[in-house]
């Protein structure tokens, strides 16, 4: 499996907005969060410089938004197009990232009722905090896990 991250550009915004609507609305509404399309676009554009198209075996399958901050990798979004879900692509993408940044802990947040939470637990993330809607999770650096 060949994983490529391509920096997102302005022409990718319609695809990424549609992807966000397909992958997030159900989970947000289950939490009682109802956003307009404009609000989704604002969230998409937040830290847009860190957005990447996720290309696996030469097929665009989703997006990964992440940044390096304070010697940690913050995963801000990982969204897989519904037609490619349940194939291990999210898992393999995160493993790819762990291999790229083995000395860095990883941080992310996940909506409380999002089934992706189970994926994150299986990859070594643990909850360290929570708010009304999300769990805040952390995974130690790979070097810490193998020591």
C-alpha atoms as a PDB file:
ATOM      1  CA  UNK A   1       0.000   0.000   0.000  1.00  0.00           C
ATOM      2  CA  UNK A   2       1.530   3.299  -1.119  1.00  0.00           C
ATOM      3  CA  UNK A   3       0.417   6.290   0.982  1.00  0.00           C
ATOM      4  CA  UNK A   4       0.934   9.806  -0.321  1.00  0.00           C
ATOM      5  CA  UNK A   5      -0.002  13.095   1.309  1.00  0.00           C
ATOM      6  CA  UNK A   6      -0.476  15.910  -1.183  1.00  0.00           C
ATOM      7  CA  UNK A   7      -0.773  19.474   0.086  1.00  0.00           C
ATOM      8  CA  UNK A   8      -4.366  20.614  -0.443  1.00  0.00           C
ATOM      9  CA  UNK A   9      -4.919  23.710  -2.561  1.00  0.00           C
ATOM     10  CA  UNK A  10      -7.889  26.019  -3.073  1.00  0.00           C
ATOM     11  CA  UNK A  11      -9.281  23.910  -5.916  1.00  0.00           C
ATOM     12  CA  UNK A  12      -9.576  20.967  -3.481  1.00  0.00           C
ATOM     13  CA  UNK A  13     -12.007  22.807  -1.192  1.00  0.00           C
ATOM     14  CA  UNK A  14     -15.228  21.585  -2.891  1.00  0.00           C
ATOM     15  CA  UNK A  15     -14.046  17.956  -2.586  1.00  0.00           C
ATOM     16  CA  UNK A  16     -12.957  18.447   1.018  1.00  0.00           C
ATOM     17  CA  UNK A  17     -16.190  20.191   1.995  1.00  0.00           C
ATOM     18  CA  UNK A  18     -18.248  17.392   0.462  1.00  0.00           C
ATOM     19  CA  UNK A  19     -16.051  14.835   2.247  1.00  0.00           C
ATOM     20  CA  UNK A  20     -16.536  16.646   5.552  1.00  0.00           C
ATOM     21  CA  UNK A  21     -20.299  16.718   5.092  1.00  0.00           C
ATOM     22  CA  UNK A  22     -20.366  13.000   4.259  1.00  0.00           C
ATOM     23  CA  UNK A  23     -18.162  11.947   7.152  1.00  0.00           C
ATOM     24  CA  UNK A  24     -18.924  14.390   9.972  1.00  0.00           C
ATOM     25  CA  UNK A  25     -22.562  15.521   9.909  1.00  0.00           C
ATOM     26  CA  UNK A  26     -23.942  12.249  11.280  1.00  0.00           C
ATOM     27  CA  UNK A  27     -21.501  12.220  14.203  1.00  0.00           C
ATOM     28  CA  UNK A  28     -21.885  15.916  14.981  1.00  0.00           C
ATOM     29  CA  UNK A  29     -25.669  15.736  14.941  1.00  0.00           C
ATOM     30  CA  UNK A  30     -25.593  12.691  17.217  1.00  0.00           C
ATOM     31  CA  UNK A  31     -23.744  14.944  19.685  1.00  0.00           C
ATOM     32  CA  UNK A  32     -26.386  17.646  19.251  1.00  0.00           C
ATOM     33  CA  UNK A  33     -24.176  19.870  17.111  1.00  0.00           C
ATOM     34  CA  UNK A  34     -25.939  21.182  14.017  1.00  0.00           C
ATOM     35  CA  UNK A  35     -23.792  23.246  11.658  1.00  0.00           C
ATOM     36  CA  UNK A  36     -24.649  25.126   8.477  1.00  0.00           C
ATOM     37  CA  UNK A  37     -22.672  24.489   5.305  1.00  0.00           C
ATOM     38  CA  UNK A  38     -20.987  27.836   5.916  1.00  0.00           C
ATOM     39  CA  UNK A  39     -19.901  26.728   9.388  1.00  0.00           C
ATOM     40  CA  UNK A  40     -18.491  23.504   7.925  1.00  0.00           C
ATOM     41  CA  UNK A  41     -16.585  25.555   5.357  1.00  0.00           C
ATOM     42  CA  UNK A  42     -15.168  27.746   8.136  1.00  0.00           C
ATOM     43  CA  UNK A  43     -13.962  24.659   9.986  1.00  0.00           C
ATOM     44  CA  UNK A  44     -12.468  23.292   6.783  1.00  0.00           C
ATOM     45  CA  UNK A  45     -10.607  26.546   6.153  1.00  0.00           C
ATOM     46  CA  UNK A  46      -9.256  26.723   9.707  1.00  0.00           C
ATOM     47  CA  UNK A  47      -5.541  25.866   9.520  1.00  0.00           C
ATOM     48  CA  UNK A  48      -6.054  24.951   5.852  1.00  0.00           C
ATOM     49  CA  UNK A  49      -2.302  25.140   5.235  1.00  0.00           C
ATOM     50  CA  UNK A  50      -2.034  21.846   7.150  1.00  0.00           C
ATOM     51  CA  UNK A  51      -4.598  20.020   4.981  1.00  0.00           C
ATOM     52  CA  UNK A  52      -3.523  17.179   2.733  1.00  0.00           C
ATOM     53  CA  UNK A  53      -5.267  14.964   0.261  1.00  0.00           C
ATOM     54  CA  UNK A  54      -4.813  11.357   1.286  1.00  0.00           C
ATOM     55  CA  UNK A  55      -3.839   9.336  -1.762  1.00  0.00           C
ATOM     56  CA  UNK A  56      -3.485   5.583  -1.445  1.00  0.00           C
ATOM     57  CA  UNK A  57      -2.300   3.531  -4.394  1.00  0.00           C
ATOM     58  CA  UNK A  58      -2.849   6.584  -6.638  1.00  0.00           C
ATOM     59  CA  UNK A  59      -6.511   7.028  -5.570  1.00  0.00           C
ATOM     60  CA  UNK A  60      -7.675  10.024  -3.504  1.00  0.00           C
ATOM     61  CA  UNK A  61      -9.477   8.407  -0.568  1.00  0.00           C
ATOM     62  CA  UNK A  62      -9.767  11.244   1.935  1.00  0.00           C
ATOM     63  CA  UNK A  63      -7.907  13.889   3.868  1.00  0.00           C
ATOM     64  CA  UNK A  64      -5.432  14.212   6.681  1.00  0.00           C
ATOM     65  CA  UNK A  65      -4.919  17.551   8.392  1.00  0.00           C
ATOM     66  CA  UNK A  66      -2.030  17.574  10.846  1.00  0.00           C
ATOM     67  CA  UNK A  67       0.663  19.820  12.223  1.00  0.00           C
ATOM     68  CA  UNK A  68       3.841  19.533  14.222  1.00  0.00           C
ATOM     69  CA  UNK A  69       3.565  21.610  17.344  1.00  0.00           C
ATOM     70  CA  UNK A  70       5.628  21.595  20.532  1.00  0.00           C
ATOM     71  CA  UNK A  71       7.413  18.395  19.437  1.00  0.00           C
ATOM     72  CA  UNK A  72       4.053  16.639  19.031  1.00  0.00           C
ATOM     73  CA  UNK A  73       1.984  15.677  16.014  1.00  0.00           C
ATOM     74  CA  UNK A  74      -1.533  17.030  16.241  1.00  0.00           C
ATOM     75  CA  UNK A  75      -3.976  15.149  14.025  1.00  0.00           C
ATOM     76  CA  UNK A  76      -6.674  17.718  13.351  1.00  0.00           C
ATOM     77  CA  UNK A  77      -8.715  15.689  10.859  1.00  0.00           C
ATOM     78  CA  UNK A  78      -8.611  12.236   9.363  1.00  0.00           C
ATOM     79  CA  UNK A  79     -11.523  11.622   7.050  1.00  0.00           C
ATOM     80  CA  UNK A  80     -11.897   8.665   4.710  1.00  0.00           C
ATOM     81  CA  UNK A  81     -14.451   8.819   1.904  1.00  0.00           C
ATOM     82  CA  UNK A  82     -17.346   6.503   2.869  1.00  0.00           C
ATOM     83  CA  UNK A  83     -16.801   4.320  -0.210  1.00  0.00           C
ATOM     84  CA  UNK A  84     -13.287   3.519   1.071  1.00  0.00           C
ATOM     85  CA  UNK A  85     -14.077   3.080   4.763  1.00  0.00           C
ATOM     86  CA  UNK A  86     -13.710  -0.223   6.611  1.00  0.00           C
ATOM     87  CA  UNK A  87     -10.696  -1.213   4.513  1.00  0.00           C
ATOM     88  CA  UNK A  88      -8.009  -0.320   7.064  1.00  0.00           C
ATOM     89  CA  UNK A  89      -7.018   2.892   5.288  1.00  0.00           C
ATOM     90  CA  UNK A  90      -7.309   5.095   8.369  1.00  0.00           C
ATOM     91  CA  UNK A  91      -5.320   2.581  10.418  1.00  0.00           C
ATOM     92  CA  UNK A  92      -2.612   2.328   7.768  1.00  0.00           C
ATOM     93  CA  UNK A  93      -2.462   6.097   7.377  1.00  0.00           C
ATOM     94  CA  UNK A  94      -1.885   6.578  11.093  1.00  0.00           C
ATOM     95  CA  UNK A  95       0.743   3.833  11.141  1.00  0.00           C
ATOM     96  CA  UNK A  96       2.437   5.591   8.233  1.00  0.00           C
ATOM     97  CA  UNK A  97       2.458   8.799  10.271  1.00  0.00           C
ATOM     98  CA  UNK A  98       3.842   7.017  13.351  1.00  0.00           C
ATOM     99  CA  UNK A  99       6.710   5.734  11.186  1.00  0.00           C
ATOM    100  CA  UNK A 100       7.356   9.257   9.821  1.00  0.00           C
ATOM    101  CA  UNK A 101       7.491  10.787  13.306  1.00  0.00           C
ATOM    102  CA  UNK A 102       8.616   8.017  15.698  1.00  0.00           C
ATOM    103  CA  UNK A 103      10.052  10.440  18.257  1.00  0.00           C
ATOM    104  CA  UNK A 104       6.831  12.459  18.546  1.00  0.00           C
ATOM    105  CA  UNK A 105       3.725  11.796  20.610  1.00  0.00           C
ATOM    106  CA  UNK A 106       0.440  12.169  18.720  1.00  0.00           C
ATOM    107  CA  UNK A 107      -2.613  14.138  19.856  1.00  0.00           C
ATOM    108  CA  UNK A 108      -6.155  14.176  18.521  1.00  0.00           C
ATOM    109  CA  UNK A 109      -9.745  14.737  19.548  1.00  0.00           C
ATOM    110  CA  UNK A 110     -12.664  12.504  18.638  1.00  0.00           C
ATOM    111  CA  UNK A 111     -16.384  13.021  19.062  1.00  0.00           C
ATOM    112  CA  UNK A 112     -17.627  10.905  21.951  1.00  0.00           C
ATOM    113  CA  UNK A 113     -19.929   8.725  19.849  1.00  0.00           C
ATOM    114  CA  UNK A 114     -17.702   8.437  16.789  1.00  0.00           C
ATOM    115  CA  UNK A 115     -16.789   4.779  16.191  1.00  0.00           C
ATOM    116  CA  UNK A 116     -13.294   5.899  15.108  1.00  0.00           C
ATOM    117  CA  UNK A 117     -12.524   6.130  18.824  1.00  0.00           C
ATOM    118  CA  UNK A 118     -12.114   2.348  18.880  1.00  0.00           C
ATOM    119  CA  UNK A 119      -9.541   2.573  16.092  1.00  0.00           C
ATOM    120  CA  UNK A 120      -7.563   5.126  18.059  1.00  0.00           C
ATOM    121  CA  UNK A 121      -7.605   2.961  21.199  1.00  0.00           C
ATOM    122  CA  UNK A 122      -6.361  -0.015  19.198  1.00  0.00           C
ATOM    123  CA  UNK A 123      -3.435   2.094  17.955  1.00  0.00           C
ATOM    124  CA  UNK A 124      -2.295   3.071  21.441  1.00  0.00           C
ATOM    125  CA  UNK A 125      -4.135   6.354  21.983  1.00  0.00           C
ATOM    126  CA  UNK A 126      -5.496   6.963  25.466  1.00  0.00           C
ATOM    127  CA  UNK A 127      -7.965   9.544  26.706  1.00  0.00           C
ATOM    128  CA  UNK A 128      -6.342  12.221  28.855  1.00  0.00           C
ATOM    129  CA  UNK A 129      -9.199  14.753  28.964  1.00  0.00           C
ATOM    130  CA  UNK A 130     -12.668  15.420  27.626  1.00  0.00           C
ATOM    131  CA  UNK A 131     -15.139  18.198  27.083  1.00  0.00           C
ATOM    132  CA  UNK A 132     -18.857  18.185  26.423  1.00  0.00           C
ATOM    133  CA  UNK A 133     -18.544  16.670  22.936  1.00  0.00           C
ATOM    134  CA  UNK A 134     -15.067  15.191  22.516  1.00  0.00           C
ATOM    135  CA  UNK A 135     -12.421  13.000  24.048  1.00  0.00           C
ATOM    136  CA  UNK A 136      -8.874  14.350  23.945  1.00  0.00           C
ATOM    137  CA  UNK A 137      -6.489  11.514  23.202  1.00  0.00           C
ATOM    138  CA  UNK A 138      -2.733  11.062  23.231  1.00  0.00           C
ATOM    139  CA  UNK A 139      -0.402   8.361  21.954  1.00  0.00           C
ATOM    140  CA  UNK A 140       3.177   8.298  23.274  1.00  0.00           C
ATOM    141  CA  UNK A 141       6.121   8.498  20.898  1.00  0.00           C
ATOM    142  CA  UNK A 142       6.899   5.236  19.116  1.00  0.00           C
ATOM    143  CA  UNK A 143      10.327   5.131  20.775  1.00  0.00           C
ATOM    144  CA  UNK A 144       8.569   5.181  24.178  1.00  0.00           C
ATOM    145  CA  UNK A 145       6.276   2.307  23.170  1.00  0.00           C
ATOM    146  CA  UNK A 146       9.129   0.045  22.019  1.00  0.00           C
ATOM    147  CA  UNK A 147      11.553   0.864  24.860  1.00  0.00           C
END
